Amino acid sequence: MLNRALYLKYSNSYDHLLTKEIDDFVENKHKKGVISFKDNVLYEEEEEYMTEVFNENRIGKKIEFLTEYYKFHNEIPRIFIKEVCDIMNRYHDKKRKIDYYRIKKILRE
């Protein structure tokens, strides 16, 4: 009798605990279990997602193009080649400084 009364009183919260992980999957939340599951699914797939492979003589031209492209954006690209990364960081630091002085001048007026 007491067990039944306690079950009826707390069953909603208990059911919520059991379905919480399923709800996370359905709602596509960024939780550890959901992310791990999706990673494992991708590792098991045999389909290839790489769209293009660049050989060594095309990489330089592609990086030049990306460097020019990102000169007109506020965000910094994530390039992990040290020499290119240093160049891009210096460029964006100078660009930020110019933007800072320009905004500072506008605010004074």
PDB file of N, CA and C in Angstrom:
ATOM      1  N   MET A   1       0.820  -1.184   0.000  1.00  0.00           N
ATOM      2  CA  MET A   1       0.000   0.000   0.000  1.00  0.00           C
ATOM      3  C   MET A   1       0.874   1.263   0.000  1.00  0.00           C
ATOM      4  N   LEU A   2       1.860   1.310   0.895  1.00  0.00           N
ATOM      5  CA  LEU A   2       2.762   2.459   0.980  1.00  0.00           C
ATOM      6  C   LEU A   2       3.606   2.567  -0.290  1.00  0.00           C
ATOM      7  N   ASN A   3       4.107   1.408  -0.761  1.00  0.00           N
ATOM      8  CA  ASN A   3       4.896   1.418  -1.993  1.00  0.00           C
ATOM      9  C   ASN A   3       4.087   1.950  -3.169  1.00  0.00           C
ATOM     10  N   ARG A   4       2.826   1.535  -3.246  1.00  0.00           N
ATOM     11  CA  ARG A   4       1.957   2.000  -4.345  1.00  0.00           C
ATOM     12  C   ARG A   4       1.739   3.503  -4.258  1.00  0.00           C
ATOM     13  N   ALA A   5       1.527   4.027  -3.062  1.00  0.00           N
ATOM     14  CA  ALA A   5       1.306   5.465  -2.877  1.00  0.00           C
ATOM     15  C   ALA A   5       2.563   6.240  -3.255  1.00  0.00           C
ATOM     16  N   LEU A   6       3.717   5.750  -2.840  1.00  0.00           N
ATOM     17  CA  LEU A   6       4.979   6.411  -3.198  1.00  0.00           C
ATOM     18  C   LEU A   6       5.218   6.350  -4.705  1.00  0.00           C
ATOM     19  N   TYR A   7       4.898   5.196  -5.303  1.00  0.00           N
ATOM     20  CA  TYR A   7       5.074   5.062  -6.755  1.00  0.00           C
ATOM     21  C   TYR A   7       4.197   6.071  -7.493  1.00  0.00           C
ATOM     22  N   LEU A   8       2.943   6.171  -7.097  1.00  0.00           N
ATOM     23  CA  LEU A   8       2.032   7.112  -7.760  1.00  0.00           C
ATOM     24  C   LEU A   8       2.487   8.553  -7.567  1.00  0.00           C
ATOM     25  N   LYS A   9       3.040   8.840  -6.399  1.00  0.00           N
ATOM     26  CA  LYS A   9       3.476  10.211  -6.115  1.00  0.00           C
ATOM     27  C   LYS A   9       4.716  10.591  -6.930  1.00  0.00           C
ATOM     28  N   TYR A  10       5.683   9.662  -7.041  1.00  0.00           N
ATOM     29  CA  TYR A  10       6.969  10.001  -7.653  1.00  0.00           C
ATOM     30  C   TYR A  10       7.189   9.360  -9.028  1.00  0.00           C
ATOM     31  N   SER A  11       6.225   8.675  -9.594  1.00  0.00           N
ATOM     32  CA  SER A  11       6.436   7.975 -10.849  1.00  0.00           C
ATOM     33  C   SER A  11       6.696   8.925 -12.004  1.00  0.00           C
ATOM     34  N   ASN A  12       6.078  10.094 -11.985  1.00  0.00           N
ATOM     35  CA  ASN A  12       6.328  11.059 -13.060  1.00  0.00           C
ATOM     36  C   ASN A  12       7.784  11.465 -13.121  1.00  0.00           C
ATOM     37  N   SER A  13       8.372  11.785 -11.983  1.00  0.00           N
ATOM     38  CA  SER A  13       9.773  12.204 -11.978  1.00  0.00           C
ATOM     39  C   SER A  13      10.685  11.034 -12.320  1.00  0.00           C
ATOM     40  N   TYR A  14      10.321   9.823 -11.883  1.00  0.00           N
ATOM     41  CA  TYR A  14      11.125   8.636 -12.192  1.00  0.00           C
ATOM     42  C   TYR A  14      11.065   8.333 -13.690  1.00  0.00           C
ATOM     43  N   ASP A  15       9.876   8.432 -14.268  1.00  0.00           N
ATOM     44  CA  ASP A  15       9.731   8.213 -15.706  1.00  0.00           C
ATOM     45  C   ASP A  15      10.530   9.249 -16.489  1.00  0.00           C
ATOM     46  N   HIS A  16      10.550  10.474 -15.978  1.00  0.00           N
ATOM     47  CA  HIS A  16      11.323  11.535 -16.640  1.00  0.00           C
ATOM     48  C   HIS A  16      12.811  11.182 -16.660  1.00  0.00           C
ATOM     49  N   LEU A  17      13.317  10.630 -15.562  1.00  0.00           N
ATOM     50  CA  LEU A  17      14.730  10.240 -15.513  1.00  0.00           C
ATOM     51  C   LEU A  17      15.037   9.157 -16.539  1.00  0.00           C
ATOM     52  N   LEU A  18      14.092   8.240 -16.739  1.00  0.00           N
ATOM     53  CA  LEU A  18      14.324   7.152 -17.684  1.00  0.00           C
ATOM     54  C   LEU A  18      14.252   7.626 -19.132  1.00  0.00           C
ATOM     55  N   THR A  19      13.438   8.613 -19.415  1.00  0.00           N
ATOM     56  CA  THR A  19      13.261   9.069 -20.798  1.00  0.00           C
ATOM     57  C   THR A  19      14.111  10.279 -21.139  1.00  0.00           C
ATOM     58  N   LYS A  20      14.836  10.812 -20.168  1.00  0.00           N
ATOM     59  CA  LYS A  20      15.632  12.028 -20.402  1.00  0.00           C
ATOM     60  C   LYS A  20      16.656  11.836 -21.523  1.00  0.00           C
ATOM     61  N   GLU A  21      17.374  10.725 -21.526  1.00  0.00           N
ATOM     62  CA  GLU A  21      18.388  10.491 -22.557  1.00  0.00           C
ATOM     63  C   GLU A  21      17.756  10.340 -23.935  1.00  0.00           C
ATOM     64  N   ILE A  22      16.610   9.693 -23.993  1.00  0.00           N
ATOM     65  CA  ILE A  22      15.918   9.555 -25.273  1.00  0.00           C
ATOM     66  C   ILE A  22      15.468  10.921 -25.775  1.00  0.00           C
ATOM     67  N   ASP A  23      14.965  11.751 -24.858  1.00  0.00           N
ATOM     68  CA  ASP A  23      14.565  13.106 -25.232  1.00  0.00           C
ATOM     69  C   ASP A  23      15.755  13.907 -25.759  1.00  0.00           C
ATOM     70  N   ASP A  24      16.933  13.706 -25.150  1.00  0.00           N
ATOM     71  CA  ASP A  24      18.133  14.405 -25.621  1.00  0.00           C
ATOM     72  C   ASP A  24      18.448  14.044 -27.070  1.00  0.00           C
ATOM     73  N   PHE A  25      18.293  12.765 -27.412  1.00  0.00           N
ATOM     74  CA  PHE A  25      18.523  12.329 -28.794  1.00  0.00           C
ATOM     75  C   PHE A  25      17.497  12.935 -29.736  1.00  0.00           C
ATOM     76  N   VAL A  26      16.244  12.894 -29.341  1.00  0.00           N
ATOM     77  CA  VAL A  26      15.170  13.404 -30.193  1.00  0.00           C
ATOM     78  C   VAL A  26      15.324  14.906 -30.421  1.00  0.00           C
ATOM     79  N   GLU A  27      15.706  15.628 -29.359  1.00  0.00           N
ATOM     80  CA  GLU A  27      15.858  17.086 -29.451  1.00  0.00           C
ATOM     81  C   GLU A  27      17.230  17.491 -29.966  1.00  0.00           C
ATOM     82  N   ASN A  28      18.102  16.524 -30.245  1.00  0.00           N
ATOM     83  CA  ASN A  28      19.435  16.765 -30.799  1.00  0.00           C
ATOM     84  C   ASN A  28      20.250  17.716 -29.911  1.00  0.00           C
ATOM     85  N   LYS A  29      20.214  17.475 -28.605  1.00  0.00           N
ATOM     86  CA  LYS A  29      20.934  18.331 -27.656  1.00  0.00           C
ATOM     87  C   LYS A  29      22.424  18.006 -27.680  1.00  0.00           C
ATOM     88  N   HIS A  30      23.220  18.965 -27.278  1.00  0.00           N
ATOM     89  CA  HIS A  30      24.672  18.781 -27.222  1.00  0.00           C
ATOM     90  C   HIS A  30      25.056  18.212 -25.853  1.00  0.00           C
ATOM     91  N   LYS A  31      24.769  16.950 -25.677  1.00  0.00           N
ATOM     92  CA  LYS A  31      25.101  16.244 -24.440  1.00  0.00           C
ATOM     93  C   LYS A  31      26.145  15.182 -24.746  1.00  0.00           C
ATOM     94  N   LYS A  32      26.879  14.761 -23.719  1.00  0.00           N
ATOM     95  CA  LYS A  32      27.977  13.822 -23.904  1.00  0.00           C
ATOM     96  C   LYS A  32      27.521  12.525 -24.580  1.00  0.00           C
ATOM     97  N   GLY A  33      26.411  11.962 -24.119  1.00  0.00           N
ATOM     98  CA  GLY A  33      25.928  10.701 -24.685  1.00  0.00           C
ATOM     99  C   GLY A  33      25.532  10.827 -26.143  1.00  0.00           C
ATOM    100  N   VAL A  34      24.869  11.924 -26.488  1.00  0.00           N
ATOM    101  CA  VAL A  34      24.425  12.148 -27.868  1.00  0.00           C
ATOM    102  C   VAL A  34      25.632  12.319 -28.785  1.00  0.00           C
ATOM    103  N   ILE A  35      26.591  13.116 -28.346  1.00  0.00           N
ATOM    104  CA  ILE A  35      27.793  13.365 -29.152  1.00  0.00           C
ATOM    105  C   ILE A  35      28.594  12.076 -29.339  1.00  0.00           C
ATOM    106  N   SER A  36      28.765  11.302 -28.269  1.00  0.00           N
ATOM    107  CA  SER A  36      29.498  10.035 -28.374  1.00  0.00           C
ATOM    108  C   SER A  36      28.807   9.080 -29.329  1.00  0.00           C
ATOM    109  N   PHE A  37      27.480   9.001 -29.228  1.00  0.00           N
ATOM    110  CA  PHE A  37      26.731   8.112 -30.115  1.00  0.00           C
ATOM    111  C   PHE A  37      26.912   8.526 -31.577  1.00  0.00           C
ATOM    112  N   LYS A  38      26.774   9.814 -31.858  1.00  0.00           N
ATOM    113  CA  LYS A  38      26.918  10.286 -33.243  1.00  0.00           C
ATOM    114  C   LYS A  38      28.333  10.049 -33.766  1.00  0.00           C
ATOM    115  N   ASP A  39      29.334  10.259 -32.907  1.00  0.00           N
ATOM    116  CA  ASP A  39      30.716   9.980 -33.308  1.00  0.00           C
ATOM    117  C   ASP A  39      30.884   8.509 -33.667  1.00  0.00           C
ATOM    118  N   ASN A  40      30.355   7.629 -32.827  1.00  0.00           N
ATOM    119  CA  ASN A  40      30.480   6.190 -33.084  1.00  0.00           C
ATOM    120  C   ASN A  40      29.764   5.795 -34.369  1.00  0.00           C
ATOM    121  N   VAL A  41      28.619   6.399 -34.642  1.00  0.00           N
ATOM    122  CA  VAL A  41      27.898   6.103 -35.878  1.00  0.00           C
ATOM    123  C   VAL A  41      28.745   6.519 -37.082  1.00  0.00           C
ATOM    124  N   LEU A  42      29.377   7.700 -37.010  1.00  0.00           N
ATOM    125  CA  LEU A  42      30.217   8.156 -38.115  1.00  0.00           C
ATOM    126  C   LEU A  42      31.437   7.258 -38.308  1.00  0.00           C
ATOM    127  N   TYR A  43      32.013   6.769 -37.208  1.00  0.00           N
ATOM    128  CA  TYR A  43      33.164   5.872 -37.331  1.00  0.00           C
ATOM    129  C   TYR A  43      32.780   4.561 -38.000  1.00  0.00           C
ATOM    130  N   GLU A  44      31.573   4.106 -37.775  1.00  0.00           N
ATOM    131  CA  GLU A  44      31.111   2.836 -38.337  1.00  0.00           C
ATOM    132  C   GLU A  44      30.717   2.956 -39.812  1.00  0.00           C
ATOM    133  N   GLU A  45      30.380   4.156 -40.268  1.00  0.00           N
ATOM    134  CA  GLU A  45      29.966   4.335 -41.663  1.00  0.00           C
ATOM    135  C   GLU A  45      31.139   4.117 -42.595  1.00  0.00           C
ATOM    136  N   GLU A  46      30.845   3.568 -43.758  1.00  0.00           N
ATOM    137  CA  GLU A  46      31.897   3.349 -44.739  1.00  0.00           C
ATOM    138  C   GLU A  46      31.873   4.390 -45.843  1.00  0.00           C
ATOM    139  N   GLU A  47      30.871   5.280 -45.822  1.00  0.00           N
ATOM    140  CA  GLU A  47      30.780   6.332 -46.835  1.00  0.00           C
ATOM    141  C   GLU A  47      31.848   7.391 -46.581  1.00  0.00           C
ATOM    142  N   GLU A  48      32.434   7.905 -47.637  1.00  0.00           N
ATOM    143  CA  GLU A  48      33.487   8.916 -47.533  1.00  0.00           C
ATOM    144  C   GLU A  48      32.874  10.300 -47.666  1.00  0.00           C
ATOM    145  N   TYR A  49      33.276  11.200 -46.787  1.00  0.00           N
ATOM    146  CA  TYR A  49      32.743  12.555 -46.805  1.00  0.00           C
ATOM    147  C   TYR A  49      33.732  13.577 -47.373  1.00  0.00           C
ATOM    148  N   MET A  50      34.978  13.170 -47.602  1.00  0.00           N
ATOM    149  CA  MET A  50      35.962  14.090 -48.141  1.00  0.00           C
ATOM    150  C   MET A  50      35.591  14.399 -49.593  1.00  0.00           C
ATOM    151  N   THR A  51      35.508  15.677 -49.930  1.00  0.00           N
ATOM    152  CA  THR A  51      35.064  16.039 -51.273  1.00  0.00           C
ATOM    153  C   THR A  51      36.210  16.162 -52.252  1.00  0.00           C
ATOM    154  N   GLU A  52      37.392  16.544 -51.777  1.00  0.00           N
ATOM    155  CA  GLU A  52      38.498  16.741 -52.700  1.00  0.00           C
ATOM    156  C   GLU A  52      39.824  16.559 -51.976  1.00  0.00           C
ATOM    157  N   VAL A  53      40.770  16.000 -52.657  1.00  0.00           N
ATOM    158  CA  VAL A  53      42.114  15.841 -52.118  1.00  0.00           C
ATOM    159  C   VAL A  53      43.031  16.770 -52.909  1.00  0.00           C
ATOM    160  N   PHE A  54      43.816  17.570 -52.194  1.00  0.00           N
ATOM    161  CA  PHE A  54      44.713  18.524 -52.847  1.00  0.00           C
ATOM    162  C   PHE A  54      46.133  17.977 -52.839  1.00  0.00           C
ATOM    163  N   ASN A  55      46.748  17.954 -54.017  1.00  0.00           N
ATOM    164  CA  ASN A  55      48.143  17.539 -54.061  1.00  0.00           C
ATOM    165  C   ASN A  55      49.027  18.739 -53.711  1.00  0.00           C
ATOM    166  N   GLU A  56      50.302  18.488 -53.526  1.00  0.00           N
ATOM    167  CA  GLU A  56      51.204  19.507 -52.985  1.00  0.00           C
ATOM    168  C   GLU A  56      51.303  20.765 -53.851  1.00  0.00           C
ATOM    169  N   ASN A  57      51.265  20.625 -55.189  1.00  0.00           N
ATOM    170  CA  ASN A  57      51.436  21.815 -56.019  1.00  0.00           C
ATOM    171  C   ASN A  57      50.179  22.696 -56.042  1.00  0.00           C
ATOM    172  N   ARG A  58      49.022  22.178 -55.621  1.00  0.00           N
ATOM    173  CA  ARG A  58      47.803  22.986 -55.583  1.00  0.00           C
ATOM    174  C   ARG A  58      47.565  23.621 -54.220  1.00  0.00           C
ATOM    175  N   ILE A  59      48.222  23.123 -53.184  1.00  0.00           N
ATOM    176  CA  ILE A  59      47.984  23.629 -51.829  1.00  0.00           C
ATOM    177  C   ILE A  59      48.385  25.098 -51.720  1.00  0.00           C
ATOM    178  N   GLY A  60      49.531  25.463 -52.267  1.00  0.00           N
ATOM    179  CA  GLY A  60      49.998  26.851 -52.173  1.00  0.00           C
ATOM    180  C   GLY A  60      49.006  27.825 -52.776  1.00  0.00           C
ATOM    181  N   LYS A  61      48.491  27.509 -53.964  1.00  0.00           N
ATOM    182  CA  LYS A  61      47.523  28.386 -54.617  1.00  0.00           C
ATOM    183  C   LYS A  61      46.221  28.449 -53.827  1.00  0.00           C
ATOM    184  N   LYS A  62      45.819  27.329 -53.275  1.00  0.00           N
ATOM    185  CA  LYS A  62      44.587  27.294 -52.490  1.00  0.00           C
ATOM    186  C   LYS A  62      44.734  28.144 -51.234  1.00  0.00           C
ATOM    187  N   ILE A  63      45.866  28.084 -50.570  1.00  0.00           N
ATOM    188  CA  ILE A  63      46.092  28.890 -49.362  1.00  0.00           C
ATOM    189  C   ILE A  63      46.148  30.369 -49.714  1.00  0.00           C
ATOM    190  N   GLU A  64      46.770  30.708 -50.847  1.00  0.00           N
ATOM    191  CA  GLU A  64      46.762  32.105 -51.294  1.00  0.00           C
ATOM    192  C   GLU A  64      45.342  32.598 -51.506  1.00  0.00           C
ATOM    193  N   PHE A  65      44.533  31.785 -52.167  1.00  0.00           N
ATOM    194  CA  PHE A  65      43.139  32.147 -52.410  1.00  0.00           C
ATOM    195  C   PHE A  65      42.379  32.328 -51.091  1.00  0.00           C
ATOM    196  N   LEU A  66      42.566  31.398 -50.143  1.00  0.00           N
ATOM    197  CA  LEU A  66      41.883  31.498 -48.855  1.00  0.00           C
ATOM    198  C   LEU A  66      42.342  32.722 -48.072  1.00  0.00           C
ATOM    199  N   THR A  67      43.643  33.039 -48.168  1.00  0.00           N
ATOM    200  CA  THR A  67      44.153  34.226 -47.488  1.00  0.00           C
ATOM    201  C   THR A  67      43.485  35.474 -48.030  1.00  0.00           C
ATOM    202  N   GLU A  68      43.396  35.602 -49.337  1.00  0.00           N
ATOM    203  CA  GLU A  68      42.711  36.753 -49.942  1.00  0.00           C
ATOM    204  C   GLU A  68      41.239  36.776 -49.575  1.00  0.00           C
ATOM    205  N   TYR A  69      40.626  35.622 -49.565  1.00  0.00           N
ATOM    206  CA  TYR A  69      39.198  35.523 -49.245  1.00  0.00           C
ATOM    207  C   TYR A  69      38.927  36.016 -47.825  1.00  0.00           C
ATOM    208  N   TYR A  70      39.741  35.576 -46.859  1.00  0.00           N
ATOM    209  CA  TYR A  70      39.506  35.930 -45.463  1.00  0.00           C
ATOM    210  C   TYR A  70      39.941  37.344 -45.107  1.00  0.00           C
ATOM    211  N   LYS A  71      40.601  38.058 -46.010  1.00  0.00           N
ATOM    212  CA  LYS A  71      40.927  39.456 -45.741  1.00  0.00           C
ATOM    213  C   LYS A  71      39.663  40.303 -45.644  1.00  0.00           C
ATOM    214  N   PHE A  72      38.584  39.830 -46.217  1.00  0.00           N
ATOM    215  CA  PHE A  72      37.342  40.598 -46.243  1.00  0.00           C
ATOM    216  C   PHE A  72      36.330  40.092 -45.222  1.00  0.00           C
ATOM    217  N   HIS A  73      36.772  39.302 -44.245  1.00  0.00           N
ATOM    218  CA  HIS A  73      35.882  38.790 -43.218  1.00  0.00           C
ATOM    219  C   HIS A  73      36.415  39.154 -41.840  1.00  0.00           C
ATOM    220  N   ASN A  74      35.504  39.267 -40.886  1.00  0.00           N
ATOM    221  CA  ASN A  74      35.918  39.580 -39.516  1.00  0.00           C
ATOM    222  C   ASN A  74      36.415  38.364 -38.756  1.00  0.00           C
ATOM    223  N   GLU A  75      35.937  37.204 -39.109  1.00  0.00           N
ATOM    224  CA  GLU A  75      36.370  36.014 -38.391  1.00  0.00           C
ATOM    225  C   GLU A  75      37.724  35.536 -38.925  1.00  0.00           C
ATOM    226  N   ILE A  76      38.434  34.824 -38.089  1.00  0.00           N
ATOM    227  CA  ILE A  76      39.754  34.322 -38.461  1.00  0.00           C
ATOM    228  C   ILE A  76      39.609  32.858 -38.870  1.00  0.00           C
ATOM    229  N   PRO A  77      40.156  32.468 -40.008  1.00  0.00           N
ATOM    230  CA  PRO A  77      40.066  31.064 -40.413  1.00  0.00           C
ATOM    231  C   PRO A  77      40.938  30.200 -39.516  1.00  0.00           C
ATOM    232  N   ARG A  78      40.577  28.977 -39.363  1.00  0.00           N
ATOM    233  CA  ARG A  78      41.356  28.041 -38.560  1.00  0.00           C
ATOM    234  C   ARG A  78      42.267  27.249 -39.491  1.00  0.00           C
ATOM    235  N   ILE A  79      43.471  27.806 -39.713  1.00  0.00           N
ATOM    236  CA  ILE A  79      44.463  27.143 -40.552  1.00  0.00           C
ATOM    237  C   ILE A  79      45.593  26.709 -39.624  1.00  0.00           C
ATOM    238  N   PHE A  80      45.989  25.454 -39.685  1.00  0.00           N
ATOM    239  CA  PHE A  80      46.940  24.915 -38.731  1.00  0.00           C
ATOM    240  C   PHE A  80      48.324  24.713 -39.338  1.00  0.00           C
ATOM    241  N   ILE A  81      48.665  25.522 -40.330  1.00  0.00           N
ATOM    242  CA  ILE A  81      50.023  25.525 -40.873  1.00  0.00           C
ATOM    243  C   ILE A  81      50.697  26.737 -40.256  1.00  0.00           C
ATOM    244  N   LYS A  82      51.739  26.519 -39.465  1.00  0.00           N
ATOM    245  CA  LYS A  82      52.296  27.574 -38.625  1.00  0.00           C
ATOM    246  C   LYS A  82      52.637  28.841 -39.401  1.00  0.00           C
ATOM    247  N   GLU A  83      53.302  28.712 -40.530  1.00  0.00           N
ATOM    248  CA  GLU A  83      53.712  29.898 -41.273  1.00  0.00           C
ATOM    249  C   GLU A  83      52.494  30.700 -41.734  1.00  0.00           C
ATOM    250  N   VAL A  84      51.507  30.024 -42.265  1.00  0.00           N
ATOM    251  CA  VAL A  84      50.301  30.691 -42.753  1.00  0.00           C
ATOM    252  C   VAL A  84      49.516  31.266 -41.584  1.00  0.00           C
ATOM    253  N   CYS A  85      49.433  30.510 -40.509  1.00  0.00           N
ATOM    254  CA  CYS A  85      48.700  30.956 -39.320  1.00  0.00           C
ATOM    255  C   CYS A  85      49.316  32.236 -38.762  1.00  0.00           C
ATOM    256  N   ASP A  86      50.653  32.298 -38.701  1.00  0.00           N
ATOM    257  CA  ASP A  86      51.323  33.506 -38.199  1.00  0.00           C
ATOM    258  C   ASP A  86      51.023  34.711 -39.081  1.00  0.00           C
ATOM    259  N   ILE A  87      51.057  34.526 -40.383  1.00  0.00           N
ATOM    260  CA  ILE A  87      50.765  35.627 -41.316  1.00  0.00           C
ATOM    261  C   ILE A  87      49.338  36.120 -41.120  1.00  0.00           C
ATOM    262  N   MET A  88      48.391  35.187 -41.056  1.00  0.00           N
ATOM    263  CA  MET A  88      46.983  35.558 -40.898  1.00  0.00           C
ATOM    264  C   MET A  88      46.742  36.243 -39.556  1.00  0.00           C
ATOM    265  N   ASN A  89      47.380  35.756 -38.497  1.00  0.00           N
ATOM    266  CA  ASN A  89      47.200  36.373 -37.182  1.00  0.00           C
ATOM    267  C   ASN A  89      47.743  37.797 -37.155  1.00  0.00           C
ATOM    268  N   ARG A  90      48.917  38.021 -37.743  1.00  0.00           N
ATOM    269  CA  ARG A  90      49.468  39.380 -37.800  1.00  0.00           C
ATOM    270  C   ARG A  90      48.544  40.303 -38.586  1.00  0.00           C
ATOM    271  N   TYR A  91      48.055  39.806 -39.716  1.00  0.00           N
ATOM    272  CA  TYR A  91      47.156  40.607 -40.538  1.00  0.00           C
ATOM    273  C   TYR A  91      45.892  40.979 -39.759  1.00  0.00           C
ATOM    274  N   HIS A  92      45.278  40.005 -39.102  1.00  0.00           N
ATOM    275  CA  HIS A  92      44.036  40.272 -38.385  1.00  0.00           C
ATOM    276  C   HIS A  92      44.264  41.144 -37.152  1.00  0.00           C
ATOM    277  N   ASP A  93      45.429  41.023 -36.512  1.00  0.00           N
ATOM    278  CA  ASP A  93      45.736  41.920 -35.392  1.00  0.00           C
ATOM    279  C   ASP A  93      45.818  43.365 -35.867  1.00  0.00           C
ATOM    280  N   LYS A  94      46.505  43.588 -36.987  1.00  0.00           N
ATOM    281  CA  LYS A  94      46.602  44.945 -37.536  1.00  0.00           C
ATOM    282  C   LYS A  94      45.235  45.459 -37.966  1.00  0.00           C
ATOM    283  N   LYS A  95      44.448  44.594 -38.565  1.00  0.00           N
ATOM    284  CA  LYS A  95      43.107  44.987 -39.007  1.00  0.00           C
ATOM    285  C   LYS A  95      42.227  45.357 -37.808  1.00  0.00           C
ATOM    286  N   ARG A  96      42.321  44.581 -36.738  1.00  0.00           N
ATOM    287  CA  ARG A  96      41.555  44.890 -35.522  1.00  0.00           C
ATOM    288  C   ARG A  96      41.974  46.229 -34.941  1.00  0.00           C
ATOM    289  N   LYS A  97      43.280  46.489 -34.955  1.00  0.00           N
ATOM    290  CA  LYS A  97      43.790  47.750 -34.408  1.00  0.00           C
ATOM    291  C   LYS A  97      43.260  48.935 -35.220  1.00  0.00           C
ATOM    292  N   ILE A  98      43.269  48.813 -36.539  1.00  0.00           N
ATOM    293  CA  ILE A  98      42.736  49.874 -37.400  1.00  0.00           C
ATOM    294  C   ILE A  98      41.249  50.083 -37.125  1.00  0.00           C
ATOM    295  N   ASP A  99      40.498  48.983 -37.029  1.00  0.00           N
ATOM    296  CA  ASP A  99      39.064  49.095 -36.725  1.00  0.00           C
ATOM    297  C   ASP A  99      38.840  49.749 -35.367  1.00  0.00           C
ATOM    298  N   TYR A 100      39.682  49.401 -34.388  1.00  0.00           N
ATOM    299  CA  TYR A 100      39.565  49.983 -33.049  1.00  0.00           C
ATOM    300  C   TYR A 100      39.769  51.500 -33.100  1.00  0.00           C
ATOM    301  N   TYR A 101      40.828  51.960 -33.787  1.00  0.00           N
ATOM    302  CA  TYR A 101      41.084  53.401 -33.875  1.00  0.00           C
ATOM    303  C   TYR A 101      39.994  54.118 -34.664  1.00  0.00           C
ATOM    304  N   ARG A 102      39.489  53.464 -35.701  1.00  0.00           N
ATOM    305  CA  ARG A 102      38.412  54.071 -36.487  1.00  0.00           C
ATOM    306  C   ARG A 102      37.148  54.243 -35.633  1.00  0.00           C
ATOM    307  N   ILE A 103      36.797  53.230 -34.877  1.00  0.00           N
ATOM    308  CA  ILE A 103      35.611  53.312 -34.008  1.00  0.00           C
ATOM    309  C   ILE A 103      35.837  54.330 -32.908  1.00  0.00           C
ATOM    310  N   LYS A 104      37.042  54.361 -32.364  1.00  0.00           N
ATOM    311  CA  LYS A 104      37.372  55.323 -31.305  1.00  0.00           C
ATOM    312  C   LYS A 104      37.230  56.744 -31.826  1.00  0.00           C
ATOM    313  N   LYS A 105      37.682  56.991 -33.051  1.00  0.00           N
ATOM    314  CA  LYS A 105      37.570  58.317 -33.655  1.00  0.00           C
ATOM    315  C   LYS A 105      36.091  58.673 -33.880  1.00  0.00           C
ATOM    316  N   ILE A 106      35.293  57.740 -34.346  1.00  0.00           N
ATOM    317  CA  ILE A 106      33.875  57.993 -34.571  1.00  0.00           C
ATOM    318  C   ILE A 106      33.181  58.324 -33.246  1.00  0.00           C
ATOM    319  N   LEU A 107      33.552  57.615 -32.178  1.00  0.00           N
ATOM    320  CA  LEU A 107      32.928  57.863 -30.893  1.00  0.00           C
ATOM    321  C   LEU A 107      33.311  59.227 -30.310  1.00  0.00           C
ATOM    322  N   ARG A 108      34.498  59.700 -30.594  1.00  0.00           N
ATOM    323  CA  ARG A 108      34.915  61.045 -30.145  1.00  0.00           C
ATOM    324  C   ARG A 108      34.079  62.136 -30.807  1.00  0.00           C
ATOM    325  N   GLU A 109      33.742  61.921 -32.081  1.00  0.00           N
ATOM    326  CA  GLU A 109      32.956  62.918 -32.808  1.00  0.00           C
ATOM    327  C   GLU A 109      31.542  62.855 -32.342  1.00  0.00           C
TER     328      GLU A 109
END
